[in-house]
Amino acid sequence: MIPVEMPPEPPDFDARVRQPGHEHLQQKGHDPAQPPPTHDGFLRNADQGKADYWRRVRDDLKEGYGNRCVYSCFYLSEEHIYANDSFKHSIDHFKPVSQFPARLIYEWSNLRWAWELINIYKGDSIIPESHDPTQMTSNLVKLQRDERGDWIVIPESSLTDLEQEKIDRTIRNLGLNNPKVKIMRNQYITHFSENKCQYSIELMKKYQPFIYRELRRLEWL
C-alpha cells in the first residue's frame, strides 16, 4: 500500500455512469444522499437489468491504475488470472455502498481498481480516508519477514502508537497479510531477488512498485 495518483475522470463518465445512475435512484424513489437499502433488488431496473453502471468504465479504471490493485500494489496480469482463478480484478467502492450516500455508487472518485480477493476481505469495512492510497501523503507501511519467513505488511515504525494501531486495523480489514496474499507476495519477492538481473528498474516499478521500494530499502536490490 503506497501513495497512488487517482487517474482523471473520463470525459464521458457523467453520461455513461453518473447520469444513468442518478436516474436509476430517481426511478427507485431513493434520496441519493441516503445509503441504499440492503435488499438485492435495489440495483436492478424495472426490466430486471442490473444498474451497475460503474462497470462501464472497467477499462478506464484498469488503464488509469496501471492494472495494479491500489491496496496490494500487485499487477493483475492476465497470465496470473488464467493460471489462478483467485487472482482476478475487481472494481471497489472505497466508501462502501451499504454505508454511504447512494450517489457515491456512481462517482468516479469512489471507484478503485482492486484484486478481487482484497475487495472481498474489505467488504463493508470503512477505511480511513488518510489510508486511501489516492489520498496518502507519506509512507504508512513497510514489509517485514515474520517468524515463519513470510513477507508481511506492518505499520511504519516512525508513526505514533495510535497511528500504528489504526494502520494495523486497515491492514487487517484489507486482508493484506492473509495466506493467499502472503503466498503471492512471497513468490514475487523470491522471483525478483533471484532474477534481478533480468528486470530493469522501470519494469519492477511498473509491476511491483511497493515490493521494489521495500527491496531497495532492505538493500536486496
C-alpha atoms as a PDB file:
ATOM      1  CA  MET A   1       0.000   0.000   0.000  1.00  0.00           C
ATOM      2  CA  ILE A   2       1.689   3.140  -1.265  1.00  0.00           C
ATOM      3  CA  PRO A   3       0.536   6.574  -2.415  1.00  0.00           C
ATOM      4  CA  VAL A   4      -1.235   6.231  -5.771  1.00  0.00           C
ATOM      5  CA  GLU A   5      -2.329   9.027  -8.061  1.00  0.00           C
ATOM      6  CA  MET A   6      -6.034   8.915  -8.883  1.00  0.00           C
ATOM      7  CA  PRO A   7      -6.481   8.943 -12.661  1.00  0.00           C
ATOM      8  CA  PRO A   8      -8.612  11.775 -14.096  1.00  0.00           C
ATOM      9  CA  GLU A   9     -12.310  11.166 -14.570  1.00  0.00           C
ATOM     10  CA  PRO A  10     -13.048  10.055 -18.151  1.00  0.00           C
ATOM     11  CA  PRO A  11     -14.704  12.810 -20.235  1.00  0.00           C
ATOM     12  CA  ASP A  12     -17.779  10.646 -20.858  1.00  0.00           C
ATOM     13  CA  PHE A  13     -18.115   9.356 -17.292  1.00  0.00           C
ATOM     14  CA  ASP A  14     -21.019  11.638 -16.490  1.00  0.00           C
ATOM     15  CA  ALA A  15     -23.054  10.455 -19.485  1.00  0.00           C
ATOM     16  CA  ARG A  16     -22.126   6.773 -19.127  1.00  0.00           C
ATOM     17  CA  VAL A  17     -22.301   6.324 -15.357  1.00  0.00           C
ATOM     18  CA  ARG A  18     -23.359   9.279 -13.227  1.00  0.00           C
ATOM     19  CA  GLN A  19     -26.457  10.381 -15.133  1.00  0.00           C
ATOM     20  CA  PRO A  20     -27.977   6.918 -15.647  1.00  0.00           C
ATOM     21  CA  GLY A  21     -27.087   6.091 -12.047  1.00  0.00           C
ATOM     22  CA  HIS A  22     -28.906   9.109 -10.672  1.00  0.00           C
ATOM     23  CA  GLU A  23     -31.826   8.373 -12.977  1.00  0.00           C
ATOM     24  CA  HIS A  24     -31.976   4.883 -11.517  1.00  0.00           C
ATOM     25  CA  LEU A  25     -32.044   6.290  -7.970  1.00  0.00           C
ATOM     26  CA  GLN A  26     -34.829   8.631  -9.001  1.00  0.00           C
ATOM     27  CA  GLN A  27     -36.831   5.774 -10.520  1.00  0.00           C
ATOM     28  CA  LYS A  28     -36.457   3.912  -7.254  1.00  0.00           C
ATOM     29  CA  GLY A  29     -37.666   6.973  -5.371  1.00  0.00           C
ATOM     30  CA  HIS A  30     -34.492   6.947  -3.319  1.00  0.00           C
ATOM     31  CA  ASP A  31     -32.809  10.002  -1.833  1.00  0.00           C
ATOM     32  CA  PRO A  32     -29.248   9.958  -3.275  1.00  0.00           C
ATOM     33  CA  ALA A  33     -27.970  11.470  -0.025  1.00  0.00           C
ATOM     34  CA  GLN A  34     -29.063   8.379   1.930  1.00  0.00           C
ATOM     35  CA  PRO A  35     -27.437   4.934   1.959  1.00  0.00           C
ATOM     36  CA  PRO A  36     -29.213   2.456  -0.317  1.00  0.00           C
ATOM     37  CA  PRO A  37     -31.499  -0.227   1.128  1.00  0.00           C
ATOM     38  CA  THR A  38     -29.939  -3.628   1.680  1.00  0.00           C
ATOM     39  CA  HIS A  39     -32.296  -5.751  -0.425  1.00  0.00           C
ATOM     40  CA  ASP A  40     -30.858  -7.252  -3.628  1.00  0.00           C
ATOM     41  CA  GLY A  41     -33.431  -5.680  -5.922  1.00  0.00           C
ATOM     42  CA  PHE A  42     -32.326  -2.102  -5.362  1.00  0.00           C
ATOM     43  CA  LEU A  43     -29.633  -2.181  -8.035  1.00  0.00           C
ATOM     44  CA  ARG A  44     -31.993  -3.641 -10.637  1.00  0.00           C
ATOM     45  CA  ASN A  45     -34.058  -1.759 -13.166  1.00  0.00           C
ATOM     46  CA  ALA A  46     -37.712  -2.389 -13.902  1.00  0.00           C
ATOM     47  CA  ASP A  47     -36.695  -4.792 -16.677  1.00  0.00           C
ATOM     48  CA  GLN A  48     -34.537  -6.719 -14.146  1.00  0.00           C
ATOM     49  CA  GLY A  49     -31.342  -5.443 -15.748  1.00  0.00           C
ATOM     50  CA  LYS A  50     -28.540  -4.528 -13.362  1.00  0.00           C
ATOM     51  CA  ALA A  51     -27.902  -0.861 -12.646  1.00  0.00           C
ATOM     52  CA  ASP A  52     -24.178  -1.439 -12.085  1.00  0.00           C
ATOM     53  CA  TYR A  53     -23.237   1.332 -14.491  1.00  0.00           C
ATOM     54  CA  TRP A  54     -19.798   1.728 -12.895  1.00  0.00           C
ATOM     55  CA  ARG A  55     -18.763  -1.431 -14.757  1.00  0.00           C
ATOM     56  CA  ARG A  56     -18.927   0.567 -17.968  1.00  0.00           C
ATOM     57  CA  VAL A  57     -15.631   2.206 -17.012  1.00  0.00           C
ATOM     58  CA  ARG A  58     -13.812  -1.040 -16.240  1.00  0.00           C
ATOM     59  CA  ASP A  59     -11.225  -0.445 -18.971  1.00  0.00           C
ATOM     60  CA  ASP A  60     -10.751   3.175 -17.885  1.00  0.00           C
ATOM     61  CA  LEU A  61     -10.012   2.072 -14.321  1.00  0.00           C
ATOM     62  CA  LYS A  62      -7.717  -0.724 -15.475  1.00  0.00           C
ATOM     63  CA  GLU A  63      -5.694   1.642 -17.641  1.00  0.00           C
ATOM     64  CA  GLY A  64      -5.821   4.547 -15.215  1.00  0.00           C
ATOM     65  CA  TYR A  65      -4.457   2.497 -12.321  1.00  0.00           C
ATOM     66  CA  GLY A  66      -1.917   0.680 -14.497  1.00  0.00           C
ATOM     67  CA  ASN A  67      -3.775  -2.601 -13.893  1.00  0.00           C
ATOM     68  CA  ARG A  68      -2.442  -2.631 -10.330  1.00  0.00           C
ATOM     69  CA  CYS A  69      -4.531  -3.246  -7.225  1.00  0.00           C
ATOM     70  CA  VAL A  70      -4.445   0.029  -5.289  1.00  0.00           C
ATOM     71  CA  TYR A  71      -4.261  -1.811  -1.956  1.00  0.00           C
ATOM     72  CA  SER A  72      -1.896  -4.756  -2.503  1.00  0.00           C
ATOM     73  CA  CYS A  73       0.010  -2.987  -5.323  1.00  0.00           C
ATOM     74  CA  PHE A  74       0.025  -6.297  -7.236  1.00  0.00           C
ATOM     75  CA  TYR A  75      -0.095  -6.107 -11.020  1.00  0.00           C
ATOM     76  CA  LEU A  76      -3.145  -8.102 -12.136  1.00  0.00           C
ATOM     77  CA  SER A  77      -1.544  -9.793 -15.121  1.00  0.00           C
ATOM     78  CA  GLU A  78      -3.668 -11.856 -17.492  1.00  0.00           C
ATOM     79  CA  GLU A  79      -1.165 -14.676 -17.102  1.00  0.00           C
ATOM     80  CA  HIS A  80      -1.850 -14.949 -13.368  1.00  0.00           C
ATOM     81  CA  ILE A  81      -5.599 -14.541 -13.856  1.00  0.00           C
ATOM     82  CA  TYR A  82      -5.779 -17.524 -16.186  1.00  0.00           C
ATOM     83  CA  ALA A  83      -3.493 -19.641 -14.021  1.00  0.00           C
ATOM     84  CA  ASN A  84      -5.161 -18.733 -10.748  1.00  0.00           C
ATOM     85  CA  ASP A  85      -8.904 -18.130 -10.526  1.00  0.00           C
ATOM     86  CA  SER A  86      -8.465 -16.259  -7.254  1.00  0.00           C
ATOM     87  CA  PHE A  87      -6.276 -13.618  -8.898  1.00  0.00           C
ATOM     88  CA  LYS A  88      -8.985 -11.619 -10.638  1.00  0.00           C
ATOM     89  CA  HIS A  89      -9.642  -7.915 -10.905  1.00  0.00           C
ATOM     90  CA  SER A  90     -12.485  -6.140  -9.129  1.00  0.00           C
ATOM     91  CA  ILE A  91     -13.971  -2.648  -9.012  1.00  0.00           C
ATOM     92  CA  ASP A  92     -14.065  -1.457  -5.426  1.00  0.00           C
ATOM     93  CA  HIS A  93     -16.187   1.311  -3.949  1.00  0.00           C
ATOM     94  CA  PHE A  94     -13.755   2.873  -1.483  1.00  0.00           C
ATOM     95  CA  LYS A  95     -16.638   4.158   0.613  1.00  0.00           C
ATOM     96  CA  PRO A  96     -18.803   1.018   0.932  1.00  0.00           C
ATOM     97  CA  VAL A  97     -22.094   1.070  -0.938  1.00  0.00           C
ATOM     98  CA  SER A  98     -24.093  -0.021   2.083  1.00  0.00           C
ATOM     99  CA  GLN A  99     -22.900   2.710   4.440  1.00  0.00           C
ATOM    100  CA  PHE A 100     -22.584   5.918   2.432  1.00  0.00           C
ATOM    101  CA  PRO A 101     -24.861   8.118   0.295  1.00  0.00           C
ATOM    102  CA  ALA A 102     -26.199   6.201  -2.685  1.00  0.00           C
ATOM    103  CA  ARG A 103     -24.931   8.839  -5.119  1.00  0.00           C
ATOM    104  CA  LEU A 104     -21.344   7.710  -4.372  1.00  0.00           C
ATOM    105  CA  ILE A 105     -22.111   4.396  -6.084  1.00  0.00           C
ATOM    106  CA  TYR A 106     -21.847   6.280  -9.361  1.00  0.00           C
ATOM    107  CA  GLU A 107     -18.933   8.620  -8.604  1.00  0.00           C
ATOM    108  CA  TRP A 108     -15.542   8.164 -10.259  1.00  0.00           C
ATOM    109  CA  SER A 109     -13.793   9.462  -7.138  1.00  0.00           C
ATOM    110  CA  ASN A 110     -15.158   6.492  -5.171  1.00  0.00           C
ATOM    111  CA  LEU A 111     -14.063   3.767  -7.597  1.00  0.00           C
ATOM    112  CA  ARG A 112     -10.811   1.834  -7.237  1.00  0.00           C
ATOM    113  CA  TRP A 113      -9.132  -0.933  -9.227  1.00  0.00           C
ATOM    114  CA  ALA A 114      -8.536  -3.846  -6.871  1.00  0.00           C
ATOM    115  CA  TRP A 115      -7.671  -7.501  -6.607  1.00  0.00           C
ATOM    116  CA  GLU A 116     -10.973  -9.316  -6.122  1.00  0.00           C
ATOM    117  CA  LEU A 117      -9.656 -11.180  -3.087  1.00  0.00           C
ATOM    118  CA  ILE A 118      -8.689  -7.922  -1.363  1.00  0.00           C
ATOM    119  CA  ASN A 119     -12.093  -6.472  -2.219  1.00  0.00           C
ATOM    120  CA  ILE A 120     -13.779  -9.491  -0.621  1.00  0.00           C
ATOM    121  CA  TYR A 121     -11.697  -9.064   2.549  1.00  0.00           C
ATOM    122  CA  LYS A 122     -12.506  -5.343   2.611  1.00  0.00           C
ATOM    123  CA  GLY A 123     -16.252  -5.925   2.314  1.00  0.00           C
ATOM    124  CA  ASP A 124     -18.142  -3.167   4.150  1.00  0.00           C
ATOM    125  CA  SER A 125     -15.125  -2.075   6.205  1.00  0.00           C
ATOM    126  CA  ILE A 126     -14.681   1.673   6.354  1.00  0.00           C
ATOM    127  CA  ILE A 127     -11.085   2.555   5.579  1.00  0.00           C
ATOM    128  CA  PRO A 128      -9.934   5.972   6.864  1.00  0.00           C
ATOM    129  CA  GLU A 129      -9.528   8.472   4.047  1.00  0.00           C
ATOM    130  CA  SER A 130      -5.960   9.114   5.192  1.00  0.00           C
ATOM    131  CA  HIS A 131      -5.282   5.424   4.408  1.00  0.00           C
ATOM    132  CA  ASP A 132      -6.773   5.688   0.944  1.00  0.00           C
ATOM    133  CA  PRO A 133      -3.794   5.192  -1.407  1.00  0.00           C
ATOM    134  CA  THR A 134      -5.088   8.042  -3.592  1.00  0.00           C
ATOM    135  CA  GLN A 135      -5.055  10.372  -0.559  1.00  0.00           C
ATOM    136  CA  MET A 136      -1.908   9.177   1.234  1.00  0.00           C
ATOM    137  CA  THR A 137       0.802  11.821   1.501  1.00  0.00           C
ATOM    138  CA  SER A 138       3.519   9.663   3.080  1.00  0.00           C
ATOM    139  CA  ASN A 139       4.545   6.054   3.529  1.00  0.00           C
ATOM    140  CA  LEU A 140       2.457   4.373   6.206  1.00  0.00           C
ATOM    141  CA  VAL A 141       3.522   0.738   5.856  1.00  0.00           C
ATOM    142  CA  LYS A 142       6.567  -1.383   5.135  1.00  0.00           C
ATOM    143  CA  LEU A 143       7.472  -5.040   4.594  1.00  0.00           C
ATOM    144  CA  GLN A 144       8.988  -7.338   7.182  1.00  0.00           C
ATOM    145  CA  ARG A 145       9.583 -11.072   7.446  1.00  0.00           C
ATOM    146  CA  ASP A 146       7.641 -12.817  10.193  1.00  0.00           C
ATOM    147  CA  GLU A 147       8.779 -15.767  12.308  1.00  0.00           C
ATOM    148  CA  ARG A 148       7.775 -18.187   9.525  1.00  0.00           C
ATOM    149  CA  GLY A 149       9.754 -16.341   6.912  1.00  0.00           C
ATOM    150  CA  ASP A 150       6.677 -14.872   5.199  1.00  0.00           C
ATOM    151  CA  TRP A 151       6.740 -11.285   3.991  1.00  0.00           C
ATOM    152  CA  ILE A 152       4.071  -9.276   5.767  1.00  0.00           C
ATOM    153  CA  VAL A 153       2.880  -5.678   5.723  1.00  0.00           C
ATOM    154  CA  ILE A 154       3.352  -3.798   9.006  1.00  0.00           C
ATOM    155  CA  PRO A 155       2.878  -0.160  10.085  1.00  0.00           C
ATOM    156  CA  GLU A 156       5.769   2.215   9.520  1.00  0.00           C
ATOM    157  CA  SER A 157       7.751   2.293  12.776  1.00  0.00           C
ATOM    158  CA  SER A 158       8.155   6.083  12.716  1.00  0.00           C
ATOM    159  CA  LEU A 159       4.412   6.567  13.303  1.00  0.00           C
ATOM    160  CA  THR A 160       2.917   7.156  16.740  1.00  0.00           C
ATOM    161  CA  ASP A 161       1.443   4.213  18.634  1.00  0.00           C
ATOM    162  CA  LEU A 162      -2.079   5.432  17.878  1.00  0.00           C
ATOM    163  CA  GLU A 163      -1.326   5.811  14.170  1.00  0.00           C
ATOM    164  CA  GLN A 164       0.269   2.348  14.068  1.00  0.00           C
ATOM    165  CA  GLU A 165      -2.833   0.888  15.709  1.00  0.00           C
ATOM    166  CA  LYS A 166      -5.052   2.489  13.061  1.00  0.00           C
ATOM    167  CA  ILE A 167      -2.825   1.312  10.209  1.00  0.00           C
ATOM    168  CA  ASP A 168      -2.753  -2.187  11.657  1.00  0.00           C
ATOM    169  CA  ARG A 169      -6.566  -2.218  11.626  1.00  0.00           C
ATOM    170  CA  THR A 170      -6.559  -1.156   7.978  1.00  0.00           C
ATOM    171  CA  ILE A 171      -4.062  -3.908   7.137  1.00  0.00           C
ATOM    172  CA  ARG A 172      -6.400  -6.456   8.738  1.00  0.00           C
ATOM    173  CA  ASN A 173      -9.514  -5.029   7.074  1.00  0.00           C
ATOM    174  CA  LEU A 174      -7.867  -5.239   3.663  1.00  0.00           C
ATOM    175  CA  GLY A 175      -6.532  -8.742   4.293  1.00  0.00           C
ATOM    176  CA  LEU A 176      -3.025  -7.680   3.291  1.00  0.00           C
ATOM    177  CA  ASN A 177      -1.456 -10.438   5.407  1.00  0.00           C
ATOM    178  CA  ASN A 178      -3.936 -13.212   4.737  1.00  0.00           C
ATOM    179  CA  PRO A 179      -2.495 -16.535   3.483  1.00  0.00           C
ATOM    180  CA  LYS A 180      -3.180 -16.204  -0.264  1.00  0.00           C
ATOM    181  CA  VAL A 181      -1.903 -12.641  -0.273  1.00  0.00           C
ATOM    182  CA  LYS A 182       1.290 -13.639   1.550  1.00  0.00           C
ATOM    183  CA  ILE A 183       1.869 -16.529  -0.842  1.00  0.00           C
ATOM    184  CA  MET A 184       1.633 -14.227  -3.842  1.00  0.00           C
ATOM    185  CA  ARG A 185       3.884 -11.632  -2.199  1.00  0.00           C
ATOM    186  CA  ASN A 186       6.457 -14.273  -1.244  1.00  0.00           C
ATOM    187  CA  GLN A 187       6.527 -15.535  -4.829  1.00  0.00           C
ATOM    188  CA  TYR A 188       7.071 -12.069  -6.268  1.00  0.00           C
ATOM    189  CA  ILE A 189       9.860 -11.230  -3.832  1.00  0.00           C
ATOM    190  CA  THR A 190      11.648 -14.541  -4.380  1.00  0.00           C
ATOM    191  CA  HIS A 191      11.352 -14.175  -8.143  1.00  0.00           C
ATOM    192  CA  PHE A 192      12.619 -10.604  -8.200  1.00  0.00           C
ATOM    193  CA  SER A 193      15.501 -11.205  -5.816  1.00  0.00           C
ATOM    194  CA  GLU A 194      16.660 -14.344  -7.676  1.00  0.00           C
ATOM    195  CA  ASN A 195      16.261 -12.838 -11.152  1.00  0.00           C
ATOM    196  CA  LYS A 196      17.020  -9.168 -10.557  1.00  0.00           C
ATOM    197  CA  CYS A 197      19.454  -9.034 -13.473  1.00  0.00           C
ATOM    198  CA  GLN A 198      16.573  -9.791 -15.844  1.00  0.00           C
ATOM    199  CA  TYR A 199      14.486  -6.773 -14.817  1.00  0.00           C
ATOM    200  CA  SER A 200      15.020  -3.100 -15.369  1.00  0.00           C
ATOM    201  CA  ILE A 201      14.160  -0.607 -12.645  1.00  0.00           C
ATOM    202  CA  GLU A 202      11.340   0.701 -14.813  1.00  0.00           C
ATOM    203  CA  LEU A 203       9.830  -2.770 -15.178  1.00  0.00           C
ATOM    204  CA  MET A 204       9.991  -3.510 -11.442  1.00  0.00           C
ATOM    205  CA  LYS A 205       8.394  -0.166 -10.651  1.00  0.00           C
ATOM    206  CA  LYS A 206       5.646  -0.824 -13.179  1.00  0.00           C
ATOM    207  CA  TYR A 207       4.699  -4.286 -11.944  1.00  0.00           C
ATOM    208  CA  GLN A 208       5.507  -4.190  -8.233  1.00  0.00           C
ATOM    209  CA  PRO A 209       6.286  -0.646  -7.033  1.00  0.00           C
ATOM    210  CA  PHE A 210       5.769  -1.410  -3.336  1.00  0.00           C
ATOM    211  CA  ILE A 211       7.885  -4.557  -3.381  1.00  0.00           C
ATOM    212  CA  TYR A 212      10.551  -2.756  -5.413  1.00  0.00           C
ATOM    213  CA  ARG A 213      10.633   0.109  -2.925  1.00  0.00           C
ATOM    214  CA  GLU A 214      10.965  -2.244   0.032  1.00  0.00           C
ATOM    215  CA  LEU A 215      13.618  -4.464  -1.554  1.00  0.00           C
ATOM    216  CA  ARG A 216      15.615  -1.316  -2.239  1.00  0.00           C
ATOM    217  CA  ARG A 217      15.148  -0.158   1.355  1.00  0.00           C
ATOM    218  CA  LEU A 218      16.355  -3.539   2.608  1.00  0.00           C
ATOM    219  CA  GLU A 219      19.274  -3.459   0.128  1.00  0.00           C
ATOM    220  CA  TRP A 220      18.145  -6.641  -1.593  1.00  0.00           C
ATOM    221  CA  LEU A 221      18.360  -4.882  -4.945  1.00  0.00           C
END
